[in-house]
Protein backbone atom coordinates (compact mmCIF):
# COMPACT_ATOMS: atom_id res chain seq x y z
CA MET A 1 -13.75 -33.94 34.62
CA GLN A 2 -12.84 -30.28 35.13
CA TYR A 3 -9.51 -30.69 33.39
CA MET A 4 -11.22 -32.49 30.50
CA MET A 5 -13.47 -29.45 30.07
CA LEU A 6 -10.48 -27.11 30.16
CA THR A 7 -8.65 -29.27 27.63
CA SER A 8 -11.71 -29.11 25.38
CA ALA A 9 -11.86 -25.34 25.88
CA ALA A 10 -8.19 -24.99 24.88
CA LEU A 11 -8.72 -27.20 21.81
CA LEU A 12 -11.78 -25.21 20.73
CA LEU A 13 -9.86 -21.97 21.28
CA ALA A 14 -7.18 -23.21 18.89
CA MET A 15 -9.87 -24.08 16.34
CA ASP A 16 -11.32 -20.59 16.76
CA PHE A 17 -7.88 -19.13 15.98
CA ALA A 18 -8.01 -21.18 12.77
CA MET A 19 -11.39 -19.65 11.90
CA ASN A 20 -9.89 -16.20 12.41
CA LYS A 21 -7.01 -17.02 10.10
CA ILE A 22 -9.37 -18.34 7.42
CA TYR A 23 -11.45 -15.17 7.69
CA GLN A 24 -8.36 -12.99 7.29
CA LYS A 25 -7.39 -14.88 4.15
CA LEU A 26 -10.87 -14.26 2.76
CA ARG A 27 -11.37 -10.64 3.75
CA GLY A 28 -8.02 -9.14 4.74
CA THR A 29 -6.71 -7.66 8.00
CA SER A 30 -7.81 -4.02 7.99
CA PRO A 31 -9.31 -2.61 11.23
CA LYS A 32 -12.69 -2.11 9.56
CA VAL A 33 -12.76 -5.72 8.36
CA SER A 34 -11.87 -6.85 11.89
CA LEU A 35 -14.61 -4.75 13.46
CA PHE A 36 -17.14 -6.19 11.00
CA PHE A 37 -16.01 -9.68 12.00
CA ASN A 38 -16.35 -8.90 15.72
CA SER A 39 -19.75 -7.25 15.34
CA VAL A 40 -21.29 -10.07 13.30
CA LEU A 41 -19.56 -12.63 15.54
CA GLY A 42 -21.16 -11.04 18.61
CA LEU A 43 -24.60 -11.10 17.00
CA ALA A 44 -24.22 -14.72 15.84
CA THR A 45 -22.97 -15.79 19.29
CA ALA A 46 -25.92 -14.11 21.01
CA ILE A 47 -28.48 -15.65 18.63
CA ILE A 48 -27.02 -19.17 18.73
CA PHE A 49 -26.69 -19.37 22.52
CA PHE A 50 -30.05 -17.64 23.00
CA ALA A 51 -31.59 -20.50 21.00
CA VAL A 52 -29.57 -23.09 22.97
CA ASN A 53 -30.94 -21.51 26.16
CA ASN A 54 -34.51 -22.09 24.95
CA PHE A 55 -34.88 -18.40 23.98
CA ARG A 56 -34.59 -17.24 27.56
CA LEU A 57 -32.45 -14.42 28.86
CA SER A 58 -32.50 -12.99 32.35
CA LEU A 59 -30.80 -9.74 33.21
CA SER A 60 -28.94 -8.36 36.18
CA PRO A 61 -27.19 -4.99 36.48
CA TYR A 62 -23.94 -6.58 37.69
CA SER A 63 -23.79 -9.12 34.86
CA ALA A 64 -24.72 -6.54 32.22
CA PHE A 65 -22.05 -4.14 33.46
CA SER A 66 -19.41 -6.92 33.56
CA ALA A 67 -20.28 -8.08 30.05
CA MET A 68 -20.26 -4.51 28.69
CA LEU A 69 -16.91 -3.72 30.35
CA MET A 70 -15.33 -6.92 29.05
CA SER A 71 -16.54 -6.24 25.51
CA ALA A 72 -15.22 -2.68 25.63
CA LEU A 73 -11.81 -3.88 26.86
CA VAL A 74 -11.62 -6.54 24.15
CA MET A 75 -12.47 -4.00 21.43
CA THR A 76 -9.86 -1.61 22.82
CA TYR A 77 -6.99 -4.09 22.73
CA ASN A 78 -8.16 -5.34 19.32
CA ILE A 79 -7.81 -1.84 17.91
CA MET A 80 -4.40 -1.42 19.55
CA GLY A 81 -3.44 -4.81 18.19
CA PHE A 82 -4.12 -3.70 14.64
CA ARG A 83 -2.00 -0.59 15.19
CA ILE A 84 0.82 -2.82 16.44
CA LEU A 85 0.37 -5.29 13.58
CA LYS A 86 0.46 -2.45 11.07
CA GLN A 87 4.03 -1.78 12.19
CA GLY A 88 4.98 -5.42 11.76
CA SER A 89 5.13 -6.53 15.39
CA MET A 90 2.84 -9.57 15.43
CA ALA A 91 5.30 -11.55 17.57
CA ILE A 92 5.59 -9.04 20.39
CA TYR A 93 1.82 -8.39 20.33
CA SER A 94 1.02 -12.09 20.81
CA LEU A 95 3.56 -12.32 23.62
CA PHE A 96 2.02 -9.47 25.63
CA LEU A 97 -1.56 -10.53 24.86
CA MET A 98 -1.22 -14.12 26.02
CA THR A 99 0.97 -13.49 29.03
CA GLY A 100 -1.30 -10.66 30.24
CA GLY A 101 -4.35 -12.94 30.12
CA MET A 102 -2.46 -15.48 32.19
CA VAL A 103 -0.20 -13.61 34.62
CA LEU A 104 -2.60 -10.94 35.94
CA PRO A 105 -5.41 -13.33 36.96
CA TYR A 106 -2.79 -15.63 38.47
CA LEU A 107 -1.48 -12.80 40.66
CA TRP A 108 -5.03 -11.61 41.38
CA GLY A 109 -5.95 -15.03 42.70
CA LEU A 110 -2.96 -15.09 45.01
CA MET A 111 -3.40 -11.56 46.36
CA PHE A 112 -7.18 -11.06 46.54
CA LEU A 113 -8.89 -14.45 46.36
CA ASN A 114 -6.81 -16.19 49.02
CA GLU A 115 -5.76 -18.89 46.60
CA SER A 116 -2.93 -21.01 47.91
CA PHE A 117 0.57 -20.46 46.59
CA SER A 118 2.18 -23.43 44.89
CA ALA A 119 5.87 -23.35 44.06
CA PHE A 120 5.33 -26.22 41.59
CA ARG A 121 2.61 -24.31 39.68
CA THR A 122 4.61 -21.09 39.82
CA ILE A 123 7.49 -22.88 38.14
CA GLY A 124 4.99 -24.17 35.58
CA LEU A 125 3.83 -20.60 34.96
CA ILE A 126 7.41 -19.45 34.39
CA ILE A 127 7.97 -22.35 31.98
CA ILE A 128 4.84 -21.41 29.99
CA ILE A 129 5.92 -17.76 29.83
CA GLY A 130 9.31 -18.94 28.58
CA GLY A 131 7.61 -21.03 25.91
CA VAL A 132 5.42 -18.12 24.83
CA PHE A 133 8.42 -15.81 24.72
CA LEU A 134 10.46 -18.29 22.69
CA SER A 135 7.68 -18.91 20.16
CA ASN A 136 6.84 -15.23 19.63
CA PHE A 137 9.85 -13.02 20.21
CA SER A 138 11.96 -12.46 17.12
CA GLY A 139 14.31 -9.82 18.49
CA GLU A 140 12.85 -7.03 16.37
CA LYS A 141 13.31 -3.46 17.53
CA ILE A 142 10.29 -1.55 18.78
CA ASN A 143 9.83 2.07 19.76
CA ILE A 144 8.41 3.61 22.94
CA LYS A 145 4.95 4.01 21.42
CA GLN A 146 4.82 0.32 20.58
CA ILE A 147 6.00 -0.64 24.06
CA CYS A 148 3.24 1.47 25.64
CA MET A 149 0.59 -0.13 23.43
CA CYS A 150 1.92 -3.61 24.18
CA LEU A 151 1.83 -2.92 27.91
CA ALA A 152 -1.75 -1.66 27.52
CA VAL A 153 -2.67 -4.89 25.71
CA PHE A 154 -1.06 -6.91 28.51
CA VAL A 155 -3.13 -5.10 31.17
CA LEU A 156 -6.40 -5.04 29.19
CA ASN A 157 -6.43 -8.76 28.42
CA GLY A 158 -5.47 -9.51 32.01
CA LEU A 159 -8.41 -7.39 33.21
CA VAL A 160 -10.75 -9.30 30.88
CA SER A 161 -9.72 -12.58 32.53
CA ILE A 162 -10.08 -11.09 36.01
CA ILE A 163 -13.56 -9.67 35.31
CA SER A 164 -14.82 -12.98 33.93
CA LYS A 165 -13.44 -14.82 36.97
CA MET A 166 -14.97 -12.36 39.44
CA HIS A 167 -18.37 -12.59 37.77
CA GLN A 168 -18.38 -16.37 38.05
CA ILE A 169 -17.64 -16.35 41.79
CA GLU A 170 -19.74 -13.30 42.73
CA MET A 171 -21.90 -13.97 45.81
CA ASN A 172 -23.19 -10.52 46.85
CA TYR A 173 -24.93 -9.46 43.64
CA GLN A 174 -27.42 -11.32 41.50
CA CYS A 175 -25.76 -12.80 38.41
CA VAL A 176 -27.07 -14.45 35.29
CA SER A 177 -26.18 -18.02 34.36
CA THR A 178 -22.98 -18.87 32.51
CA ILE A 179 -24.70 -19.30 29.15
CA GLU A 180 -26.62 -16.04 29.61
CA PHE A 181 -23.35 -14.24 30.34
CA VAL A 182 -22.06 -15.52 26.98
CA ILE A 183 -25.20 -14.12 25.34
CA LEU A 184 -24.76 -10.72 27.01
CA GLY A 185 -21.13 -10.61 25.92
CA GLY A 186 -22.19 -11.30 22.33
CA ILE A 187 -24.83 -8.54 22.44
CA PHE A 188 -22.42 -5.90 23.72
CA LYS A 189 -19.72 -7.00 21.28
CA PHE A 190 -22.23 -6.59 18.44
CA PHE A 191 -23.13 -3.04 19.45
CA ILE A 192 -19.65 -1.81 20.41
CA ALA A 193 -17.86 -3.26 17.36
CA GLY A 194 -20.79 -2.23 15.14
CA PHE A 195 -20.59 1.36 16.34
CA LEU A 196 -16.84 1.48 15.74
CA PHE A 197 -17.33 -0.11 12.32
CA LEU A 198 -19.78 2.61 11.31
CA ALA A 199 -17.46 5.28 12.73
CA PHE A 200 -14.60 4.24 10.44
CA LYS A 201 -14.27 6.10 7.16
CA ASN A 202 -15.47 4.20 4.12
CA ARG A 203 -12.82 2.70 1.90
CA ALA A 204 -12.87 1.04 -1.48
CA VAL A 205 -13.92 -2.60 -1.22
CA GLN A 206 -11.73 -5.03 -3.10
CA ARG A 207 -13.36 -7.38 -5.59
CA SER A 208 -12.01 -10.40 -3.70
CA GLU A 209 -13.76 -9.19 -0.55
CA LYS A 210 -17.09 -9.01 -2.39
CA ASN A 211 -16.65 -12.47 -3.87
CA ASN A 212 -15.77 -13.99 -0.51
CA PHE A 213 -18.48 -12.26 1.51
CA SER A 214 -20.82 -15.27 1.76
CA LYS A 215 -17.92 -17.58 2.65
CA SER A 216 -16.78 -15.19 5.35
CA LEU A 217 -20.25 -15.21 6.94
CA ILE A 218 -20.10 -19.00 7.20
CA VAL A 219 -16.69 -18.72 8.86
CA ILE A 220 -18.07 -16.17 11.34
CA ILE A 221 -20.95 -18.48 12.28
CA LEU A 222 -18.54 -21.39 12.80
CA SER A 223 -16.35 -19.11 14.91
CA ALA A 224 -19.37 -18.12 17.00
CA VAL A 225 -20.18 -21.76 17.76
CA ILE A 226 -16.59 -22.84 18.41
CA GLY A 227 -15.40 -19.74 20.26
CA GLY A 228 -18.63 -19.36 22.21
CA THR A 229 -18.45 -22.97 23.41
CA SER A 230 -14.81 -22.53 24.43
CA TYR A 231 -15.66 -19.37 26.36
CA PHE A 232 -18.62 -21.11 28.03
CA LEU A 233 -16.37 -23.95 29.21
CA GLN A 234 -13.82 -21.45 30.54
CA LEU A 235 -16.52 -19.57 32.45
CA TYR A 236 -17.89 -22.82 33.82
CA GLY A 237 -14.41 -23.80 34.98
CA ALA A 238 -13.98 -20.40 36.62
CA LYS A 239 -16.80 -21.26 39.03
CA SER A 240 -14.81 -23.98 40.76
CA LEU A 241 -11.17 -23.80 39.70
CA PRO A 242 -8.81 -21.14 41.11
CA ALA A 243 -7.51 -18.47 38.74
CA THR A 244 -3.99 -19.68 39.49
CA VAL A 245 -4.88 -22.93 37.70
CA LEU A 246 -7.48 -21.95 35.10
CA TYR A 247 -5.76 -19.31 32.99
CA PRO A 248 -2.24 -20.77 32.81
CA PHE A 249 -3.80 -24.11 31.81
CA ILE A 250 -5.89 -22.49 29.06
CA THR A 251 -2.94 -20.46 27.80
CA GLY A 252 -0.49 -23.35 27.71
CA GLY A 253 -3.04 -25.73 26.23
CA SER A 254 -4.15 -23.32 23.51
CA ILE A 255 -0.53 -22.75 22.44
CA VAL A 256 0.05 -26.48 22.04
CA PHE A 257 -3.21 -27.07 20.13
CA SER A 258 -2.79 -23.91 18.01
CA THR A 259 0.62 -25.10 16.87
CA LEU A 260 -0.73 -28.54 15.96
CA THR A 261 -3.73 -26.98 14.20
CA GLY A 262 -1.49 -24.71 12.15
CA ALA A 263 0.69 -27.65 11.10
CA LEU A 264 -2.24 -29.91 10.21
CA LEU A 265 -4.65 -27.45 8.59
CA PHE A 266 -2.35 -24.78 7.14
CA LYS A 267 0.79 -26.87 6.56
CA GLU A 268 2.84 -24.50 8.70
CA LYS A 269 6.42 -25.62 9.20
CA LEU A 270 7.53 -26.37 12.75
CA SER A 271 10.93 -24.85 13.41
CA ARG A 272 13.20 -26.20 16.10
CA LYS A 273 12.54 -23.12 18.24
CA LEU A 274 8.78 -23.55 17.87
CA ILE A 275 8.91 -27.24 18.78
CA ILE A 276 10.93 -26.42 21.92
CA SER A 277 8.44 -23.71 22.89
CA VAL A 278 5.49 -26.09 22.46
CA VAL A 279 7.21 -28.71 24.62
CA LEU A 280 7.84 -26.08 27.31
CA CYS A 281 4.19 -24.97 27.22
CA PHE A 282 3.05 -28.59 27.42
CA VAL A 283 5.30 -29.32 30.39
CA GLY A 284 4.21 -26.11 32.15
CA THR A 285 0.54 -26.93 31.56
CA ILE A 286 0.90 -30.45 32.95
CA MET A 287 2.35 -28.95 36.14
CA PHE A 288 -1.04 -27.31 36.85
CA ILE A 289 -2.95 -30.60 36.92
């Protein structure tokens, strides 16, 4: 049952990536456009899950701080990501982002949560990393500044995974429920991204952006439902599954489903290298079951 939930979470995560891609086609990829997306997404997520929770929301200092810190970290690596993407390094950015969200919580679980070491799962982790590397790395040259930003992205996304895991297993401080934690995350994302959006200098709005504004709002709402549900399932899994299982499974599964989604919905061609990487990620993921 737990692995069925994680599989669903990985599938929904891939669908959320598709929503992001559709939004970018409608509105572009500028930092200000991205911040608008994140701010409205946070608000929509909070409203939708607040309604699902029968319009109830309890608060606790520990949960509020965790949600605020996670939102701030996500916004930080999003901004760095756009700086990296501006220099044409999408491949290396994805590599550091995904492996950071998988490797750091895996090591954290081994070192601080007394999770048992498994040579079989460690091999699976290495196989997934190899698949991620193969599917993303194109051999392009990067400078020291880019390397520093990529390393920061690696650490920041890893910290996000660790914070979410620690909140779900916290026993000493009062914590809100899983669905309420999703709501809090949406609220803080709305305010943090909204503040950064307003802080950006105004730029001329393209006519296509104006024409696609209503469509983009629909995409954001769909992303809130899909992404919020995926995140809820991941948080729920974090209550009982060790970090050494949860995050590698989500990473490997999302890569497989994202590739299939891109091929089916966007008619993306599957190169031989990409097919091999997907097979590696699938094999590595299976080794965690």
